[in-house]
Amino acid sequence: MKPVSVVIPALGDVPLLRRAMKSLLLEFELRDVGDELVLVDDTGTGALDRERAALIGERKGVRLVTRETNGGFAAALTTGIEAAHHDLVFSMNSDVVARTGFLTPLTEALGKDVFAVAPAALLGGDAETVESYNRVRLASGLLDVRMPPGPAPTSGCHPVAFAVGGTMLFDRRRFVELGGFDPLFEPFYFEDVDLCWRAWRAGLRTLFCADAVVEHHHKGTIGRYLSEGRRRAAVERGELLFNWKHLGADDLAEHLALLYRRTLDGYLTDRRDDLVWLSLALAKLDEVTAGRDAKFVHSTRAVLALVDGPGIDAD
């Protein structure tokens, strides 16, 4: 078995971190291969550093890396990846609780043509709501992230469009080769979708591994520090930026028509949020245009076909 560096970016909440750490350290003990935990203090105030004794104490295989400024999830995660001792990295949210035996199936699934592997992430611990089993669909000129119909598989590994950044195993060397997280999406949302989509375009798959299970309890992440309106704005902005970066030339005309309809509807019905989201994305237009890269072998529609057949819904 290969050792893994687990990286957890955190904004505080020591009790939450302790709960996440308890399940991880038990997993490390059972595997006994030298796994490590890298905690990243992204508070920008050194708040976790002041709790170092309570968090780490005499525990082996646990380190704390402190950032001078708050940079958001992707920046904090990148700091932890750079500090990791092992090639295999599992990125993890602080509100995730791992179930015993989750790491080994992930490492075994990480083959030469696989960039990332995602465990079955049970929302709130509910086996009926597996948030890490996903698809991206192309409809009406928009690449749309969604859960496929029907239950998620309960065994084996299956292709997915992307691995959620808060529960993802990958090889650090391939992460670096792909350019890591694109700062276009800072401070958060869609950086993981973009990264795995670039991997697919480069011929590297992302898999969902049903035999590895974690629970996501949504208690200690962005929602504690950000209003629902600002969080939704970041999601909508990220979706537009992802589309502008990856949509093929054949689909751009339909996408522009969709944006025109949205803008007109927003103006006529006084849905100002729609206009705000578009304006936030447009502020990044020069950056996203520069980030469009035609060198990859696989086009948008080819990637959709690789993940799940044609992946296109006719409207």
C-alpha atoms as a PDB file:
ATOM      1  CA  MET A   1       0.000   0.000   0.000  1.00  0.00           C
ATOM      2  CA  LYS A   2       1.238   3.483  -0.837  1.00  0.00           C
ATOM      3  CA  PRO A   3       1.172   6.158   1.888  1.00  0.00           C
ATOM      4  CA  VAL A   4      -1.152   9.145   1.501  1.00  0.00           C
ATOM      5  CA  SER A   5      -0.935  12.776   2.585  1.00  0.00           C
ATOM      6  CA  VAL A   6      -4.379  13.986   3.660  1.00  0.00           C
ATOM      7  CA  VAL A   7      -4.678  17.777   3.347  1.00  0.00           C
ATOM      8  CA  ILE A   8      -7.409  19.682   5.227  1.00  0.00           C
ATOM      9  CA  PRO A   9      -7.729  23.457   4.666  1.00  0.00           C
ATOM     10  CA  ALA A  10      -9.467  25.008   7.653  1.00  0.00           C
ATOM     11  CA  LEU A  11     -10.875  28.336   8.793  1.00  0.00           C
ATOM     12  CA  GLY A  12     -11.184  27.418  12.454  1.00  0.00           C
ATOM     13  CA  ASP A  13     -13.669  25.361  14.491  1.00  0.00           C
ATOM     14  CA  VAL A  14     -11.334  23.138  16.503  1.00  0.00           C
ATOM     15  CA  PRO A  15     -14.086  20.691  17.652  1.00  0.00           C
ATOM     16  CA  LEU A  16     -15.012  20.068  14.005  1.00  0.00           C
ATOM     17  CA  LEU A  17     -11.386  19.405  13.088  1.00  0.00           C
ATOM     18  CA  ARG A  18     -10.980  17.050  16.020  1.00  0.00           C
ATOM     19  CA  ARG A  19     -13.918  14.982  14.794  1.00  0.00           C
ATOM     20  CA  ALA A  20     -12.474  14.771  11.278  1.00  0.00           C
ATOM     21  CA  MET A  21      -9.035  13.957  12.661  1.00  0.00           C
ATOM     22  CA  LYS A  22     -10.338  11.166  14.887  1.00  0.00           C
ATOM     23  CA  SER A  23     -11.598   9.122  11.944  1.00  0.00           C
ATOM     24  CA  LEU A  24      -8.461   9.818   9.905  1.00  0.00           C
ATOM     25  CA  LEU A  25      -5.978   8.908  12.610  1.00  0.00           C
ATOM     26  CA  LEU A  26      -7.807   5.620  13.184  1.00  0.00           C
ATOM     27  CA  GLU A  27      -7.506   4.926   9.445  1.00  0.00           C
ATOM     28  CA  PHE A  28      -3.789   5.744   9.546  1.00  0.00           C
ATOM     29  CA  GLU A  29      -3.295   3.365  12.476  1.00  0.00           C
ATOM     30  CA  LEU A  30      -5.082   0.510  10.738  1.00  0.00           C
ATOM     31  CA  ARG A  31      -3.163   1.002   7.463  1.00  0.00           C
ATOM     32  CA  ASP A  32       0.209   1.478   9.207  1.00  0.00           C
ATOM     33  CA  VAL A  33       2.041   2.638   6.058  1.00  0.00           C
ATOM     34  CA  GLY A  34       3.143   6.127   7.118  1.00  0.00           C
ATOM     35  CA  ASP A  35       0.113   8.200   6.084  1.00  0.00           C
ATOM     36  CA  GLU A  36       0.167  11.830   7.232  1.00  0.00           C
ATOM     37  CA  LEU A  37      -2.276  14.654   7.903  1.00  0.00           C
ATOM     38  CA  VAL A  38      -1.451  18.204   6.833  1.00  0.00           C
ATOM     39  CA  LEU A  39      -3.724  20.842   8.388  1.00  0.00           C
ATOM     40  CA  VAL A  40      -3.678  24.239   6.671  1.00  0.00           C
ATOM     41  CA  ASP A  41      -4.582  27.267   8.752  1.00  0.00           C
ATOM     42  CA  ASP A  42      -6.292  29.561   6.231  1.00  0.00           C
ATOM     43  CA  THR A  43      -7.731  31.968   8.796  1.00  0.00           C
ATOM     44  CA  GLY A  44      -5.141  34.621   7.973  1.00  0.00           C
ATOM     45  CA  THR A  45      -4.863  35.292  11.705  1.00  0.00           C
ATOM     46  CA  GLY A  46      -2.966  32.233  12.921  1.00  0.00           C
ATOM     47  CA  ALA A  47      -6.015  31.126  14.896  1.00  0.00           C
ATOM     48  CA  LEU A  48      -5.286  27.418  14.443  1.00  0.00           C
ATOM     49  CA  ASP A  49      -1.612  27.903  15.137  1.00  0.00           C
ATOM     50  CA  ARG A  50      -2.632  29.144  18.589  1.00  0.00           C
ATOM     51  CA  GLU A  51      -4.563  25.885  19.014  1.00  0.00           C
ATOM     52  CA  ARG A  52      -1.588  23.761  17.913  1.00  0.00           C
ATOM     53  CA  ALA A  53      -1.255  21.952  21.236  1.00  0.00           C
ATOM     54  CA  ALA A  54      -4.962  21.064  21.336  1.00  0.00           C
ATOM     55  CA  LEU A  55      -5.009  19.899  17.712  1.00  0.00           C
ATOM     56  CA  ILE A  56      -1.709  18.097  17.396  1.00  0.00           C
ATOM     57  CA  GLY A  57      -0.179  17.569  20.826  1.00  0.00           C
ATOM     58  CA  GLU A  58       1.937  14.409  20.688  1.00  0.00           C
ATOM     59  CA  ARG A  59       0.110  12.925  17.720  1.00  0.00           C
ATOM     60  CA  LYS A  60       2.424  11.457  15.108  1.00  0.00           C
ATOM     61  CA  GLY A  61       1.891  12.055  11.423  1.00  0.00           C
ATOM     62  CA  VAL A  62       0.069  15.384  11.920  1.00  0.00           C
ATOM     63  CA  ARG A  63       1.464  18.755  10.850  1.00  0.00           C
ATOM     64  CA  LEU A  64       0.078  22.287  10.767  1.00  0.00           C
ATOM     65  CA  VAL A  65       0.937  24.737   7.994  1.00  0.00           C
ATOM     66  CA  THR A  66      -0.098  28.344   8.572  1.00  0.00           C
ATOM     67  CA  ARG A  67      -0.861  30.781   5.750  1.00  0.00           C
ATOM     68  CA  GLU A  68      -0.254  34.473   6.362  1.00  0.00           C
ATOM     69  CA  THR A  69      -3.435  35.469   4.533  1.00  0.00           C
ATOM     70  CA  ASN A  70      -6.802  33.872   3.812  1.00  0.00           C
ATOM     71  CA  GLY A  71      -6.716  32.765   0.180  1.00  0.00           C
ATOM     72  CA  GLY A  72      -9.772  30.568  -0.209  1.00  0.00           C
ATOM     73  CA  PHE A  73     -10.136  26.799  -0.516  1.00  0.00           C
ATOM     74  CA  ALA A  74      -8.015  26.171  -3.620  1.00  0.00           C
ATOM     75  CA  ALA A  75      -5.122  28.375  -2.499  1.00  0.00           C
ATOM     76  CA  ALA A  76      -5.081  26.794   0.966  1.00  0.00           C
ATOM     77  CA  LEU A  77      -5.290  23.319  -0.503  1.00  0.00           C
ATOM     78  CA  THR A  78      -2.401  24.084  -2.853  1.00  0.00           C
ATOM     79  CA  THR A  79      -0.329  25.209   0.139  1.00  0.00           C
ATOM     80  CA  GLY A  80      -0.979  21.846   1.784  1.00  0.00           C
ATOM     81  CA  ILE A  81      -0.199  19.914  -1.392  1.00  0.00           C
ATOM     82  CA  GLU A  82       3.143  21.696  -1.695  1.00  0.00           C
ATOM     83  CA  ALA A  83       3.944  20.820   1.930  1.00  0.00           C
ATOM     84  CA  ALA A  84       2.901  17.159   1.614  1.00  0.00           C
ATOM     85  CA  HIS A  85       5.553  14.457   2.004  1.00  0.00           C
ATOM     86  CA  HIS A  86       3.840  11.858  -0.204  1.00  0.00           C
ATOM     87  CA  ASP A  87       2.974  11.743  -3.915  1.00  0.00           C
ATOM     88  CA  LEU A  88      -0.599  10.598  -3.262  1.00  0.00           C
ATOM     89  CA  VAL A  89      -2.774  13.351  -1.792  1.00  0.00           C
ATOM     90  CA  PHE A  90      -6.328  13.200  -0.473  1.00  0.00           C
ATOM     91  CA  SER A  91      -7.918  16.638  -0.183  1.00  0.00           C
ATOM     92  CA  MET A  92     -10.583  16.830   2.492  1.00  0.00           C
ATOM     93  CA  ASN A  93     -13.031  19.356   3.926  1.00  0.00           C
ATOM     94  CA  SER A  94     -12.993  19.846   7.671  1.00  0.00           C
ATOM     95  CA  ASP A  95     -16.670  18.793   7.892  1.00  0.00           C
ATOM     96  CA  VAL A  96     -16.018  15.370   6.360  1.00  0.00           C
ATOM     97  CA  VAL A  97     -15.908  12.216   8.503  1.00  0.00           C
ATOM     98  CA  ALA A  98     -14.175   9.225   6.942  1.00  0.00           C
ATOM     99  CA  ARG A  99     -15.485   5.720   7.414  1.00  0.00           C
ATOM    100  CA  THR A 100     -13.002   2.980   8.239  1.00  0.00           C
ATOM    101  CA  GLY A 101     -11.245   1.483   5.223  1.00  0.00           C
ATOM    102  CA  PHE A 102     -11.864   4.358   2.822  1.00  0.00           C
ATOM    103  CA  LEU A 103      -8.306   5.123   1.727  1.00  0.00           C
ATOM    104  CA  THR A 104      -7.060   1.809   0.339  1.00  0.00           C
ATOM    105  CA  PRO A 105      -9.794   1.341  -2.320  1.00  0.00           C
ATOM    106  CA  LEU A 106      -9.031   4.866  -3.557  1.00  0.00           C
ATOM    107  CA  THR A 107      -5.300   4.244  -3.895  1.00  0.00           C
ATOM    108  CA  GLU A 108      -5.920   0.936  -5.657  1.00  0.00           C
ATOM    109  CA  ALA A 109      -8.158   2.658  -8.239  1.00  0.00           C
ATOM    110  CA  LEU A 110      -5.574   5.313  -9.105  1.00  0.00           C
ATOM    111  CA  GLY A 111      -4.130   3.792 -12.303  1.00  0.00           C
ATOM    112  CA  LYS A 112      -1.879   5.159 -15.025  1.00  0.00           C
ATOM    113  CA  ASP A 113      -4.784   6.674 -16.970  1.00  0.00           C
ATOM    114  CA  VAL A 114      -6.646   7.947 -13.881  1.00  0.00           C
ATOM    115  CA  PHE A 115      -6.097  11.454 -12.537  1.00  0.00           C
ATOM    116  CA  ALA A 116      -8.431  11.459  -9.531  1.00  0.00           C
ATOM    117  CA  VAL A 117     -10.664   9.121  -7.539  1.00  0.00           C
ATOM    118  CA  ALA A 118     -13.642  10.237  -5.464  1.00  0.00           C
ATOM    119  CA  PRO A 119     -15.171   8.232  -2.595  1.00  0.00           C
ATOM    120  CA  ALA A 120     -18.896   7.899  -2.061  1.00  0.00           C
ATOM    121  CA  ALA A 121     -19.559  11.123  -0.145  1.00  0.00           C
ATOM    122  CA  LEU A 122     -22.818  10.687   1.772  1.00  0.00           C
ATOM    123  CA  LEU A 123     -24.523  13.997   2.435  1.00  0.00           C
ATOM    124  CA  GLY A 124     -25.302  14.065   6.146  1.00  0.00           C
ATOM    125  CA  GLY A 125     -24.381  10.382   6.284  1.00  0.00           C
ATOM    126  CA  ASP A 126     -27.431   9.454   4.186  1.00  0.00           C
ATOM    127  CA  ALA A 127     -26.662   6.529   1.861  1.00  0.00           C
ATOM    128  CA  GLU A 128     -29.440   7.691  -0.479  1.00  0.00           C
ATOM    129  CA  THR A 129     -27.748  11.054  -1.153  1.00  0.00           C
ATOM    130  CA  VAL A 130     -24.316  10.513  -2.709  1.00  0.00           C
ATOM    131  CA  GLU A 131     -23.102  13.962  -3.700  1.00  0.00           C
ATOM    132  CA  SER A 132     -19.850  12.798  -5.317  1.00  0.00           C
ATOM    133  CA  TYR A 133     -21.554  10.808  -8.099  1.00  0.00           C
ATOM    134  CA  ASN A 134     -22.019  13.347 -10.869  1.00  0.00           C
ATOM    135  CA  ARG A 135     -22.278  14.181 -14.547  1.00  0.00           C
ATOM    136  CA  VAL A 136     -21.986  17.279 -16.712  1.00  0.00           C
ATOM    137  CA  ARG A 137     -24.674  17.710 -19.349  1.00  0.00           C
ATOM    138  CA  LEU A 138     -24.719  19.981 -22.378  1.00  0.00           C
ATOM    139  CA  ALA A 139     -28.158  21.505 -22.874  1.00  0.00           C
ATOM    140  CA  SER A 140     -29.204  24.751 -24.570  1.00  0.00           C
ATOM    141  CA  GLY A 141     -25.602  25.861 -24.887  1.00  0.00           C
ATOM    142  CA  LEU A 142     -24.755  25.353 -21.210  1.00  0.00           C
ATOM    143  CA  LEU A 143     -22.497  22.794 -19.514  1.00  0.00           C
ATOM    144  CA  ASP A 144     -24.541  21.976 -16.433  1.00  0.00           C
ATOM    145  CA  VAL A 145     -23.285  20.002 -13.393  1.00  0.00           C
ATOM    146  CA  ARG A 146     -25.852  17.587 -11.992  1.00  0.00           C
ATOM    147  CA  MET A 147     -26.383  14.228 -10.314  1.00  0.00           C
ATOM    148  CA  PRO A 148     -27.448  11.513 -12.796  1.00  0.00           C
ATOM    149  CA  PRO A 149     -30.916   9.961 -12.408  1.00  0.00           C
ATOM    150  CA  GLY A 150     -31.272   6.893 -10.241  1.00  0.00           C
ATOM    151  CA  PRO A 151     -29.195   5.689  -7.303  1.00  0.00           C
ATOM    152  CA  ALA A 152     -25.416   5.822  -7.279  1.00  0.00           C
ATOM    153  CA  PRO A 153     -23.532   2.525  -7.731  1.00  0.00           C
ATOM    154  CA  THR A 154     -22.872   0.639  -4.498  1.00  0.00           C
ATOM    155  CA  SER A 155     -19.705  -1.166  -5.581  1.00  0.00           C
ATOM    156  CA  GLY A 156     -16.825  -0.775  -8.000  1.00  0.00           C
ATOM    157  CA  CYS A 157     -15.394   2.269  -9.757  1.00  0.00           C
ATOM    158  CA  HIS A 158     -17.245   4.325 -12.362  1.00  0.00           C
ATOM    159  CA  PRO A 159     -16.399   7.408 -14.479  1.00  0.00           C
ATOM    160  CA  VAL A 160     -17.614  10.784 -13.220  1.00  0.00           C
ATOM    161  CA  ALA A 161     -17.173  14.252 -14.662  1.00  0.00           C
ATOM    162  CA  PHE A 162     -15.172  15.478 -11.677  1.00  0.00           C
ATOM    163  CA  ALA A 163     -14.117  14.715  -8.129  1.00  0.00           C
ATOM    164  CA  VAL A 164     -15.333  17.146  -5.482  1.00  0.00           C
ATOM    165  CA  GLY A 165     -12.314  19.055  -4.176  1.00  0.00           C
ATOM    166  CA  GLY A 166     -13.236  18.341  -0.562  1.00  0.00           C
ATOM    167  CA  THR A 167     -13.072  14.542  -1.055  1.00  0.00           C
ATOM    168  CA  MET A 168     -10.567  13.680  -3.796  1.00  0.00           C
ATOM    169  CA  LEU A 169      -7.491  11.446  -4.119  1.00  0.00           C
ATOM    170  CA  PHE A 170      -4.922  12.294  -6.795  1.00  0.00           C
ATOM    171  CA  ASP A 171      -1.239  12.068  -7.678  1.00  0.00           C
ATOM    172  CA  ARG A 172       0.521  15.322  -6.843  1.00  0.00           C
ATOM    173  CA  ARG A 173       2.804  15.057  -9.886  1.00  0.00           C
ATOM    174  CA  ARG A 174      -0.156  14.978 -12.249  1.00  0.00           C
ATOM    175  CA  PHE A 175      -1.768  17.841 -10.354  1.00  0.00           C
ATOM    176  CA  VAL A 176       1.357  19.904 -11.067  1.00  0.00           C
ATOM    177  CA  GLU A 177       1.536  18.767 -14.710  1.00  0.00           C
ATOM    178  CA  LEU A 178      -2.052  19.925 -15.265  1.00  0.00           C
ATOM    179  CA  GLY A 179      -1.224  23.327 -13.775  1.00  0.00           C
ATOM    180  CA  GLY A 180      -3.089  22.842 -10.486  1.00  0.00           C
ATOM    181  CA  PHE A 181      -6.148  24.905  -9.658  1.00  0.00           C
ATOM    182  CA  ASP A 182      -6.830  27.804 -11.991  1.00  0.00           C
ATOM    183  CA  PRO A 183      -6.840  31.101 -10.037  1.00  0.00           C
ATOM    184  CA  LEU A 184      -9.579  32.231 -12.428  1.00  0.00           C
ATOM    185  CA  PHE A 185     -12.092  30.622 -10.040  1.00  0.00           C
ATOM    186  CA  GLU A 186     -10.782  32.133  -6.796  1.00  0.00           C
ATOM    187  CA  PRO A 187     -11.835  32.302  -4.052  1.00  0.00           C
ATOM    188  CA  PHE A 188     -13.949  29.144  -4.504  1.00  0.00           C
ATOM    189  CA  TYR A 189     -16.312  26.969  -6.584  1.00  0.00           C
ATOM    190  CA  PHE A 190     -15.747  25.184  -9.891  1.00  0.00           C
ATOM    191  CA  GLU A 191     -11.959  24.966  -9.503  1.00  0.00           C
ATOM    192  CA  ASP A 192     -12.334  21.189  -8.967  1.00  0.00           C
ATOM    193  CA  VAL A 193     -14.683  20.799 -11.949  1.00  0.00           C
ATOM    194  CA  ASP A 194     -12.250  22.713 -14.140  1.00  0.00           C
ATOM    195  CA  LEU A 195      -9.227  20.715 -12.956  1.00  0.00           C
ATOM    196  CA  CYS A 196     -10.814  17.325 -13.614  1.00  0.00           C
ATOM    197  CA  TRP A 197     -12.224  18.537 -16.932  1.00  0.00           C
ATOM    198  CA  ARG A 198      -8.704  19.506 -18.016  1.00  0.00           C
ATOM    199  CA  ALA A 199      -7.563  16.031 -16.964  1.00  0.00           C
ATOM    200  CA  TRP A 200     -10.299  14.402 -19.082  1.00  0.00           C
ATOM    201  CA  ARG A 201      -9.274  16.543 -22.038  1.00  0.00           C
ATOM    202  CA  ALA A 202      -5.692  15.376 -21.555  1.00  0.00           C
ATOM    203  CA  GLY A 203      -6.811  11.724 -21.614  1.00  0.00           C
ATOM    204  CA  LEU A 204      -6.895  11.123 -17.827  1.00  0.00           C
ATOM    205  CA  ARG A 205     -10.049   9.783 -16.230  1.00  0.00           C
ATOM    206  CA  THR A 206     -11.776  10.679 -12.955  1.00  0.00           C
ATOM    207  CA  LEU A 207     -13.485   7.825 -11.129  1.00  0.00           C
ATOM    208  CA  PHE A 208     -16.123   7.397  -8.417  1.00  0.00           C
ATOM    209  CA  CYS A 209     -15.217   4.562  -6.048  1.00  0.00           C
ATOM    210  CA  ALA A 210     -18.282   3.220  -4.249  1.00  0.00           C
ATOM    211  CA  ASP A 211     -16.204   0.980  -1.986  1.00  0.00           C
ATOM    212  CA  ALA A 212     -14.667   4.015  -0.259  1.00  0.00           C
ATOM    213  CA  VAL A 213     -17.141   5.921   1.908  1.00  0.00           C
ATOM    214  CA  VAL A 214     -17.044   9.272   3.735  1.00  0.00           C
ATOM    215  CA  GLU A 215     -19.751  11.438   5.274  1.00  0.00           C
ATOM    216  CA  HIS A 216     -20.134  15.146   4.494  1.00  0.00           C
ATOM    217  CA  HIS A 217     -21.983  17.026   7.211  1.00  0.00           C
ATOM    218  CA  HIS A 218     -21.896  20.584   5.818  1.00  0.00           C
ATOM    219  CA  LYS A 219     -21.173  22.276   9.139  1.00  0.00           C
ATOM    220  CA  GLY A 220     -17.817  23.963   8.921  1.00  0.00           C
ATOM    221  CA  THR A 221     -17.233  25.263   5.420  1.00  0.00           C
ATOM    222  CA  ILE A 222     -18.076  28.423   3.489  1.00  0.00           C
ATOM    223  CA  GLY A 223     -21.682  28.603   4.679  1.00  0.00           C
ATOM    224  CA  ARG A 224     -20.556  29.658   8.163  1.00  0.00           C
ATOM    225  CA  TYR A 225     -18.726  32.704   6.828  1.00  0.00           C
ATOM    226  CA  LEU A 226     -20.676  33.727   3.736  1.00  0.00           C
ATOM    227  CA  SER A 227     -24.288  34.735   3.136  1.00  0.00           C
ATOM    228  CA  GLU A 228     -26.408  32.540   0.889  1.00  0.00           C
ATOM    229  CA  GLY A 229     -26.610  35.354  -1.667  1.00  0.00           C
ATOM    230  CA  ARG A 230     -22.848  35.698  -1.969  1.00  0.00           C
ATOM    231  CA  ARG A 231     -22.374  31.938  -2.047  1.00  0.00           C
ATOM    232  CA  ARG A 232     -24.933  31.600  -4.846  1.00  0.00           C
ATOM    233  CA  ALA A 233     -23.254  34.426  -6.757  1.00  0.00           C
ATOM    234  CA  ALA A 234     -19.913  32.575  -6.564  1.00  0.00           C
ATOM    235  CA  VAL A 235     -21.547  29.369  -7.850  1.00  0.00           C
ATOM    236  CA  GLU A 236     -23.277  31.101 -10.778  1.00  0.00           C
ATOM    237  CA  ARG A 237     -20.155  33.070 -11.673  1.00  0.00           C
ATOM    238  CA  GLY A 238     -18.065  29.874 -11.554  1.00  0.00           C
ATOM    239  CA  GLU A 239     -20.472  28.030 -13.845  1.00  0.00           C
ATOM    240  CA  LEU A 240     -20.262  30.794 -16.457  1.00  0.00           C
ATOM    241  CA  LEU A 241     -16.465  30.944 -16.270  1.00  0.00           C
ATOM    242  CA  PHE A 242     -16.243  27.159 -16.626  1.00  0.00           C
ATOM    243  CA  ASN A 243     -18.454  27.300 -19.712  1.00  0.00           C
ATOM    244  CA  TRP A 244     -16.535  30.152 -21.302  1.00  0.00           C
ATOM    245  CA  LYS A 245     -13.265  28.318 -20.731  1.00  0.00           C
ATOM    246  CA  HIS A 246     -14.328  24.899 -22.036  1.00  0.00           C
ATOM    247  CA  LEU A 247     -17.246  25.189 -24.445  1.00  0.00           C
ATOM    248  CA  GLY A 248     -16.309  24.248 -27.983  1.00  0.00           C
ATOM    249  CA  ALA A 249     -16.574  26.794 -30.780  1.00  0.00           C
ATOM    250  CA  ASP A 250     -19.601  24.943 -32.204  1.00  0.00           C
ATOM    251  CA  ASP A 251     -21.549  25.541 -28.989  1.00  0.00           C
ATOM    252  CA  LEU A 252     -20.611  29.154 -28.287  1.00  0.00           C
ATOM    253  CA  ALA A 253     -23.321  30.649 -30.523  1.00  0.00           C
ATOM    254  CA  GLU A 254     -26.072  28.787 -28.657  1.00  0.00           C
ATOM    255  CA  HIS A 255     -24.479  29.775 -25.354  1.00  0.00           C
ATOM    256  CA  LEU A 256     -24.454  33.461 -26.341  1.00  0.00           C
ATOM    257  CA  ALA A 257     -28.133  33.180 -27.268  1.00  0.00           C
ATOM    258  CA  LEU A 258     -28.794  31.718 -23.813  1.00  0.00           C
ATOM    259  CA  LEU A 259     -26.966  34.631 -22.165  1.00  0.00           C
ATOM    260  CA  TYR A 260     -28.991  37.113 -24.222  1.00  0.00           C
ATOM    261  CA  ARG A 261     -32.265  35.502 -23.096  1.00  0.00           C
ATOM    262  CA  ARG A 262     -31.143  35.441 -19.477  1.00  0.00           C
ATOM    263  CA  THR A 263     -30.090  39.079 -19.574  1.00  0.00           C
ATOM    264  CA  LEU A 264     -33.295  40.225 -21.222  1.00  0.00           C
ATOM    265  CA  ASP A 265     -35.454  38.180 -18.851  1.00  0.00           C
ATOM    266  CA  GLY A 266     -33.521  39.498 -15.874  1.00  0.00           C
ATOM    267  CA  TYR A 267     -34.035  43.084 -16.992  1.00  0.00           C
ATOM    268  CA  LEU A 268     -37.731  42.684 -17.811  1.00  0.00           C
ATOM    269  CA  THR A 269     -38.603  40.778 -14.645  1.00  0.00           C
ATOM    270  CA  ASP A 270     -36.267  42.724 -12.340  1.00  0.00           C
ATOM    271  CA  ARG A 271     -34.258  39.596 -11.479  1.00  0.00           C
ATOM    272  CA  ARG A 272     -31.201  41.617 -10.627  1.00  0.00           C
ATOM    273  CA  ASP A 273     -29.285  38.637  -9.287  1.00  0.00           C
ATOM    274  CA  ASP A 274     -29.024  37.186 -12.801  1.00  0.00           C
ATOM    275  CA  LEU A 275     -27.455  40.434 -13.995  1.00  0.00           C
ATOM    276  CA  VAL A 276     -25.086  40.580 -11.026  1.00  0.00           C
ATOM    277  CA  TRP A 277     -23.846  37.035 -11.678  1.00  0.00           C
ATOM    278  CA  LEU A 278     -23.206  37.837 -15.319  1.00  0.00           C
ATOM    279  CA  SER A 279     -21.374  41.056 -14.479  1.00  0.00           C
ATOM    280  CA  LEU A 280     -19.137  39.223 -11.997  1.00  0.00           C
ATOM    281  CA  ALA A 281     -18.189  36.712 -14.667  1.00  0.00           C
ATOM    282  CA  LEU A 282     -17.681  39.377 -17.330  1.00  0.00           C
ATOM    283  CA  ALA A 283     -15.104  41.041 -15.071  1.00  0.00           C
ATOM    284  CA  LYS A 284     -12.966  37.935 -15.692  1.00  0.00           C
ATOM    285  CA  LEU A 285     -13.565  37.769 -19.447  1.00  0.00           C
ATOM    286  CA  ASP A 286     -10.001  38.623 -20.463  1.00  0.00           C
ATOM    287  CA  GLU A 287      -8.589  35.999 -18.103  1.00  0.00           C
ATOM    288  CA  VAL A 288     -10.949  33.258 -19.204  1.00  0.00           C
ATOM    289  CA  THR A 289     -10.321  34.014 -22.875  1.00  0.00           C
ATOM    290  CA  ALA A 290      -6.585  33.708 -22.292  1.00  0.00           C
ATOM    291  CA  GLY A 291      -7.208  30.401 -20.511  1.00  0.00           C
ATOM    292  CA  ARG A 292      -8.954  28.734 -23.442  1.00  0.00           C
ATOM    293  CA  ASP A 293      -6.519  26.120 -24.713  1.00  0.00           C
ATOM    294  CA  ALA A 294      -7.006  24.299 -28.010  1.00  0.00           C
ATOM    295  CA  LYS A 295      -4.027  21.946 -27.597  1.00  0.00           C
ATOM    296  CA  PHE A 296      -5.967  19.195 -25.829  1.00  0.00           C
ATOM    297  CA  VAL A 297      -6.949  16.175 -27.881  1.00  0.00           C
ATOM    298  CA  HIS A 298     -10.488  15.877 -26.568  1.00  0.00           C
ATOM    299  CA  SER A 299     -13.147  18.493 -27.295  1.00  0.00           C
ATOM    300  CA  THR A 300     -16.042  19.288 -24.959  1.00  0.00           C
ATOM    301  CA  ARG A 301     -18.404  16.859 -26.658  1.00  0.00           C
ATOM    302  CA  ALA A 302     -15.718  14.180 -26.782  1.00  0.00           C
ATOM    303  CA  VAL A 303     -15.227  14.462 -23.020  1.00  0.00           C
ATOM    304  CA  LEU A 304     -18.976  14.170 -22.451  1.00  0.00           C
ATOM    305  CA  ALA A 305     -18.931  11.007 -24.547  1.00  0.00           C
ATOM    306  CA  LEU A 306     -16.026   9.588 -22.541  1.00  0.00           C
ATOM    307  CA  VAL A 307     -17.769  10.183 -19.210  1.00  0.00           C
ATOM    308  CA  ASP A 308     -21.265   9.026 -20.076  1.00  0.00           C
ATOM    309  CA  GLY A 309     -22.161   8.363 -23.692  1.00  0.00           C
ATOM    310  CA  PRO A 310     -23.095  11.422 -25.756  1.00  0.00           C
ATOM    311  CA  GLY A 311     -24.108  13.405 -22.620  1.00  0.00           C
ATOM    312  CA  ILE A 312     -26.269  15.793 -24.677  1.00  0.00           C
ATOM    313  CA  ASP A 313     -29.942  16.553 -24.054  1.00  0.00           C
ATOM    314  CA  ALA A 314     -31.961  17.993 -26.912  1.00  0.00           C
ATOM    315  CA  ASP A 315     -34.317  20.817 -26.022  1.00  0.00           C
END
